[in-house]
Amino acid sequence: MPTYDYKCKDCEHTWEEFQSIKAKPTKKCPECGKRKAERQIGPGAGIIFKGSGFYETDYRSDSYKKAAAADKKLSEPKKTETKTESKSDSKPKSSSSD
């Protein structure tokens, strides 16, 4: 359930009220008792998108990506180049004397 901000038009009193989305807005001011309260429109909550399916550029700066790439390179194990010798399966031909 969300928390709503209210303000009385008469006495300028402001307060927060925790109520259901389906509930009707409160009209009575708890301070002066008059029915001149109205629900305020707030800025809402901040959203951070995480996980697969979102672009990395949605919330990461270039400096962060560069630092992450540098850290990744340092943490990767070093690959050593190995040369594989090819062995031929051919056997020397033997000459037979009859």
N, C-alpha and C. Protein backbone atom coordinates (compact mmCIF):
# COMPACT_ATOMS: atom_id res chain seq x y z
N MET A 1 0.84 -1.18 0.00
CA MET A 1 0.00 0.00 0.00
C MET A 1 0.89 1.24 0.00
N PRO A 2 0.52 2.21 -0.81
CA PRO A 2 1.34 3.42 -0.91
C PRO A 2 1.05 4.45 0.17
N THR A 3 1.96 5.36 0.30
CA THR A 3 1.82 6.50 1.21
C THR A 3 1.52 7.73 0.37
N TYR A 4 0.47 8.45 0.74
CA TYR A 4 0.06 9.64 -0.01
C TYR A 4 0.32 10.90 0.81
N ASP A 5 0.67 11.98 0.13
CA ASP A 5 0.85 13.29 0.76
C ASP A 5 -0.44 14.08 0.61
N TYR A 6 -0.83 14.74 1.69
CA TYR A 6 -2.04 15.56 1.69
C TYR A 6 -1.70 16.97 2.17
N LYS A 7 -2.53 17.93 1.74
CA LYS A 7 -2.37 19.31 2.17
C LYS A 7 -3.75 19.94 2.31
N CYS A 8 -3.95 20.66 3.41
CA CYS A 8 -5.22 21.34 3.65
C CYS A 8 -5.19 22.70 2.95
N LYS A 9 -6.21 22.98 2.18
CA LYS A 9 -6.30 24.28 1.48
C LYS A 9 -6.55 25.43 2.46
N ASP A 10 -7.15 25.14 3.59
CA ASP A 10 -7.51 26.19 4.54
C ASP A 10 -6.36 26.57 5.47
N CYS A 11 -5.81 25.57 6.18
CA CYS A 11 -4.77 25.87 7.18
C CYS A 11 -3.34 25.57 6.70
N GLU A 12 -3.17 25.05 5.46
CA GLU A 12 -1.87 24.75 4.88
C GLU A 12 -1.12 23.61 5.59
N HIS A 13 -1.82 22.85 6.43
CA HIS A 13 -1.21 21.71 7.12
C HIS A 13 -0.92 20.59 6.11
N THR A 14 0.27 19.98 6.20
CA THR A 14 0.62 18.86 5.33
C THR A 14 0.89 17.62 6.17
N TRP A 15 0.53 16.45 5.62
CA TRP A 15 0.76 15.18 6.30
C TRP A 15 0.78 14.05 5.28
N GLU A 16 1.25 12.89 5.75
CA GLU A 16 1.29 11.69 4.92
C GLU A 16 0.28 10.69 5.47
N GLU A 17 -0.31 9.94 4.56
CA GLU A 17 -1.29 8.93 4.98
C GLU A 17 -1.05 7.65 4.19
N PHE A 18 -0.97 6.54 4.91
CA PHE A 18 -0.76 5.22 4.34
C PHE A 18 -2.13 4.60 4.09
N GLN A 19 -2.49 4.42 2.80
CA GLN A 19 -3.80 3.87 2.50
C GLN A 19 -3.77 3.10 1.18
N SER A 20 -4.80 2.31 0.98
CA SER A 20 -4.93 1.47 -0.21
C SER A 20 -5.09 2.32 -1.46
N ILE A 21 -4.70 1.76 -2.59
CA ILE A 21 -4.86 2.45 -3.87
C ILE A 21 -6.34 2.65 -4.17
N LYS A 22 -7.16 1.70 -3.77
CA LYS A 22 -8.60 1.75 -4.03
C LYS A 22 -9.36 2.71 -3.11
N ALA A 23 -8.73 3.12 -2.01
CA ALA A 23 -9.40 3.99 -1.04
C ALA A 23 -9.60 5.39 -1.61
N LYS A 24 -10.70 6.00 -1.24
CA LYS A 24 -10.98 7.38 -1.67
C LYS A 24 -10.07 8.34 -0.93
N PRO A 25 -9.67 9.44 -1.57
CA PRO A 25 -8.80 10.42 -0.90
C PRO A 25 -9.46 11.01 0.35
N THR A 26 -8.65 11.24 1.36
CA THR A 26 -9.12 11.86 2.60
C THR A 26 -9.48 13.31 2.34
N LYS A 27 -10.61 13.76 2.89
CA LYS A 27 -11.04 15.15 2.71
C LYS A 27 -10.90 15.97 3.99
N LYS A 28 -10.96 15.30 5.14
CA LYS A 28 -10.95 16.01 6.42
C LYS A 28 -9.51 16.22 6.91
N CYS A 29 -9.18 17.46 7.21
CA CYS A 29 -7.86 17.80 7.74
C CYS A 29 -7.78 17.40 9.21
N PRO A 30 -6.73 16.67 9.63
CA PRO A 30 -6.60 16.29 11.03
C PRO A 30 -6.25 17.47 11.95
N GLU A 31 -5.75 18.56 11.39
CA GLU A 31 -5.34 19.72 12.17
C GLU A 31 -6.52 20.65 12.48
N CYS A 32 -7.21 21.10 11.44
CA CYS A 32 -8.30 22.07 11.64
C CYS A 32 -9.69 21.43 11.58
N GLY A 33 -9.79 20.21 11.07
CA GLY A 33 -11.07 19.51 11.02
C GLY A 33 -11.96 19.88 9.85
N LYS A 34 -11.53 20.80 9.02
CA LYS A 34 -12.33 21.20 7.87
C LYS A 34 -12.14 20.20 6.73
N ARG A 35 -13.13 20.12 5.85
CA ARG A 35 -13.09 19.17 4.75
C ARG A 35 -12.50 19.83 3.49
N LYS A 36 -11.28 20.35 3.63
CA LYS A 36 -10.62 21.02 2.51
C LYS A 36 -9.26 20.40 2.19
N ALA A 37 -9.05 19.16 2.54
CA ALA A 37 -7.79 18.48 2.26
C ALA A 37 -7.80 17.92 0.84
N GLU A 38 -6.64 17.95 0.23
CA GLU A 38 -6.53 17.35 -1.09
C GLU A 38 -5.21 16.59 -1.21
N ARG A 39 -5.25 15.53 -2.01
CA ARG A 39 -4.07 14.69 -2.22
C ARG A 39 -3.10 15.41 -3.15
N GLN A 40 -1.82 15.40 -2.77
CA GLN A 40 -0.78 16.05 -3.56
C GLN A 40 -0.18 15.05 -4.55
N ILE A 41 0.25 15.56 -5.68
CA ILE A 41 0.92 14.72 -6.66
C ILE A 41 2.41 14.77 -6.36
N GLY A 42 2.99 13.61 -6.09
CA GLY A 42 4.40 13.54 -5.73
C GLY A 42 5.27 13.19 -6.92
N PRO A 43 6.59 13.26 -6.73
CA PRO A 43 7.52 12.96 -7.82
C PRO A 43 7.62 11.47 -8.11
N GLY A 44 7.12 10.62 -7.23
CA GLY A 44 7.24 9.18 -7.44
C GLY A 44 8.57 8.66 -6.94
N ALA A 45 8.77 7.39 -7.12
CA ALA A 45 9.99 6.73 -6.65
C ALA A 45 10.99 6.62 -7.79
N GLY A 46 12.26 6.62 -7.44
CA GLY A 46 13.30 6.43 -8.44
C GLY A 46 13.37 4.97 -8.85
N ILE A 47 13.67 4.74 -10.10
CA ILE A 47 13.73 3.37 -10.62
C ILE A 47 15.12 3.10 -11.16
N ILE A 48 15.65 1.96 -10.80
CA ILE A 48 16.93 1.52 -11.33
C ILE A 48 16.68 0.20 -12.03
N PHE A 49 17.00 0.15 -13.32
CA PHE A 49 16.82 -1.07 -14.09
C PHE A 49 18.07 -1.91 -13.99
N LYS A 50 17.90 -3.15 -13.56
CA LYS A 50 19.03 -4.07 -13.46
C LYS A 50 18.63 -5.38 -14.09
N GLY A 51 19.60 -6.10 -14.54
CA GLY A 51 19.34 -7.40 -15.10
C GLY A 51 19.46 -7.42 -16.61
N SER A 52 19.29 -8.61 -17.17
CA SER A 52 19.39 -8.73 -18.62
C SER A 52 18.16 -8.11 -19.26
N GLY A 53 18.32 -7.64 -20.46
CA GLY A 53 17.21 -7.04 -21.17
C GLY A 53 17.24 -5.54 -21.18
N PHE A 54 18.15 -4.93 -20.44
CA PHE A 54 18.28 -3.48 -20.45
C PHE A 54 19.65 -3.12 -21.00
N TYR A 55 19.72 -1.98 -21.63
CA TYR A 55 20.99 -1.52 -22.15
C TYR A 55 21.89 -1.08 -21.02
N GLU A 56 23.17 -1.36 -21.16
CA GLU A 56 24.12 -0.94 -20.12
C GLU A 56 24.18 0.57 -20.02
N THR A 57 23.91 1.26 -21.11
CA THR A 57 24.01 2.72 -21.12
C THR A 57 22.85 3.38 -20.39
N ASP A 58 21.86 2.60 -19.98
CA ASP A 58 20.71 3.18 -19.29
C ASP A 58 21.09 3.78 -17.93
N TYR A 59 22.08 3.21 -17.26
CA TYR A 59 22.41 3.74 -15.94
C TYR A 59 23.89 3.67 -15.60
N ARG A 60 24.75 3.41 -16.56
CA ARG A 60 26.18 3.36 -16.28
C ARG A 60 26.90 4.45 -17.06
N SER A 61 27.85 5.13 -16.42
CA SER A 61 28.62 6.17 -17.07
C SER A 61 29.78 5.55 -17.83
N ASP A 62 30.39 6.32 -18.73
CA ASP A 62 31.53 5.83 -19.50
C ASP A 62 32.72 5.51 -18.60
N SER A 63 32.95 6.34 -17.59
CA SER A 63 34.08 6.10 -16.70
C SER A 63 33.90 4.79 -15.93
N TYR A 64 32.66 4.47 -15.55
CA TYR A 64 32.40 3.22 -14.85
C TYR A 64 32.69 2.04 -15.76
N LYS A 65 32.25 2.12 -17.01
CA LYS A 65 32.46 1.01 -17.96
C LYS A 65 33.94 0.80 -18.24
N LYS A 66 34.70 1.90 -18.34
CA LYS A 66 36.13 1.78 -18.59
C LYS A 66 36.84 1.12 -17.41
N ALA A 67 36.46 1.51 -16.20
CA ALA A 67 37.06 0.92 -15.00
C ALA A 67 36.69 -0.56 -14.88
N ALA A 68 35.45 -0.89 -15.21
CA ALA A 68 35.02 -2.29 -15.15
C ALA A 68 35.76 -3.13 -16.17
N ALA A 69 35.98 -2.59 -17.36
CA ALA A 69 36.72 -3.32 -18.40
C ALA A 69 38.17 -3.55 -17.96
N ALA A 70 38.79 -2.55 -17.34
CA ALA A 70 40.16 -2.69 -16.85
C ALA A 70 40.23 -3.74 -15.75
N ASP A 71 39.27 -3.75 -14.85
CA ASP A 71 39.24 -4.75 -13.78
C ASP A 71 39.05 -6.15 -14.35
N LYS A 72 38.24 -6.25 -15.38
CA LYS A 72 37.97 -7.55 -16.00
C LYS A 72 39.23 -8.11 -16.64
N LYS A 73 40.00 -7.22 -17.31
CA LYS A 73 41.24 -7.67 -17.94
C LYS A 73 42.24 -8.15 -16.90
N LEU A 74 42.29 -7.49 -15.75
CA LEU A 74 43.23 -7.89 -14.70
C LEU A 74 42.83 -9.20 -14.04
N SER A 75 41.54 -9.46 -13.97
CA SER A 75 41.09 -10.65 -13.26
C SER A 75 41.05 -11.90 -14.14
N GLU A 76 41.15 -11.72 -15.46
CA GLU A 76 41.13 -12.89 -16.35
C GLU A 76 42.46 -13.62 -16.26
N PRO A 77 42.40 -14.97 -16.28
CA PRO A 77 43.66 -15.72 -16.25
C PRO A 77 44.41 -15.52 -17.57
N LYS A 78 45.72 -15.49 -17.47
CA LYS A 78 46.53 -15.28 -18.66
C LYS A 78 46.52 -16.54 -19.50
N LYS A 79 46.34 -16.33 -20.80
CA LYS A 79 46.33 -17.47 -21.71
C LYS A 79 47.73 -17.64 -22.27
N THR A 80 48.23 -18.88 -22.21
CA THR A 80 49.55 -19.17 -22.76
C THR A 80 49.34 -19.84 -24.10
N GLU A 81 50.15 -19.44 -25.03
CA GLU A 81 50.03 -20.02 -26.35
C GLU A 81 50.81 -21.33 -26.37
N THR A 82 50.17 -22.36 -26.80
CA THR A 82 50.82 -23.67 -26.93
C THR A 82 50.72 -24.10 -28.37
N LYS A 83 51.80 -24.58 -28.86
CA LYS A 83 51.81 -25.07 -30.22
C LYS A 83 51.55 -26.57 -30.17
N THR A 84 50.63 -26.97 -30.96
CA THR A 84 50.35 -28.40 -31.02
C THR A 84 51.05 -28.98 -32.23
N GLU A 85 51.76 -30.04 -32.00
CA GLU A 85 52.47 -30.67 -33.09
C GLU A 85 51.53 -31.67 -33.74
N SER A 86 51.51 -31.59 -35.03
CA SER A 86 50.64 -32.53 -35.73
C SER A 86 51.42 -33.81 -35.97
N LYS A 87 50.81 -34.89 -35.59
CA LYS A 87 51.43 -36.19 -35.76
C LYS A 87 50.78 -36.84 -36.97
N SER A 88 51.61 -37.37 -37.79
CA SER A 88 51.06 -38.04 -38.97
C SER A 88 50.78 -39.48 -38.61
N ASP A 89 49.66 -39.91 -39.07
CA ASP A 89 49.26 -41.28 -38.81
C ASP A 89 49.80 -42.24 -39.87
N SER A 90 50.52 -41.71 -40.82
CA SER A 90 51.02 -42.58 -41.88
C SER A 90 52.22 -43.36 -41.39
N LYS A 91 52.27 -44.60 -41.74
CA LYS A 91 53.37 -45.47 -41.36
C LYS A 91 54.31 -45.63 -42.54
N PRO A 92 55.57 -45.79 -42.25
CA PRO A 92 56.49 -45.97 -43.39
C PRO A 92 56.15 -47.26 -44.13
N LYS A 93 56.28 -47.15 -45.43
CA LYS A 93 55.96 -48.32 -46.26
C LYS A 93 57.08 -49.34 -46.14
N SER A 94 56.69 -50.51 -45.94
CA SER A 94 57.68 -51.57 -45.86
C SER A 94 57.74 -52.28 -47.20
N SER A 95 58.90 -52.57 -47.59
CA SER A 95 59.05 -53.27 -48.87
C SER A 95 59.13 -54.76 -48.58
N SER A 96 58.42 -55.47 -49.33
CA SER A 96 58.44 -56.92 -49.11
C SER A 96 59.19 -57.58 -50.24
N SER A 97 60.01 -58.55 -49.90
CA SER A 97 60.77 -59.28 -50.89
C SER A 97 60.14 -60.66 -51.05
N ASP A 98 59.83 -60.96 -52.28
CA ASP A 98 59.26 -62.27 -52.54
C ASP A 98 60.19 -63.11 -53.27
